[in-house]
């Protein structure tokens, strides 16, 4: 994958992205709604086995700095259905990078890959849900008290999805 937006390049990961990815996945605040922050060996293993070998995620590179500032989970789970998720370097939060890059990946999925559906899930009912809604995703349900957060507390899991016909209908509005 290679997509360009005004400020970003979205591309496949390469082994040399390990240091930048560690800045993202090694940050406990960034990872607070997912799992404990990664060590450098965990990040390198994740990068090599999942991002590169399985092509399970793409890198978001800031054109201005040529630095990987984001990771987007983008994986086909069944024919035409893609799971999406994201983590961005905390130093870049609030600048619209996640919205800009995720919109570009969604457009690529529907326009180039002929995706039928893109879905995402989160326990973060504020920031992540807000981004999902800005991306045009629709709520598909809440699995109440479905999983545990990092402190061991039971928490809700929010499910969102975007169908091909809704994406193209939204483009016409």
Foldseek 3Di string as FASTA:
>chain_A
DWDDDPFKIKFQDDLVLLVLVLLWQQDQVQCQFPEGRDDSVRSSCCNVVPRHVVVQWIFIATPVVRHGFKIWGWHAPDVLEIEIDMIGRPVCPPVCSVLRVVLRVVCCSCVPVVHFKYKYKTQPPPPVVVSCVVSVWDWPDKDAQPDATHVRGRTIMTMTMDGSVSVVVVVVD
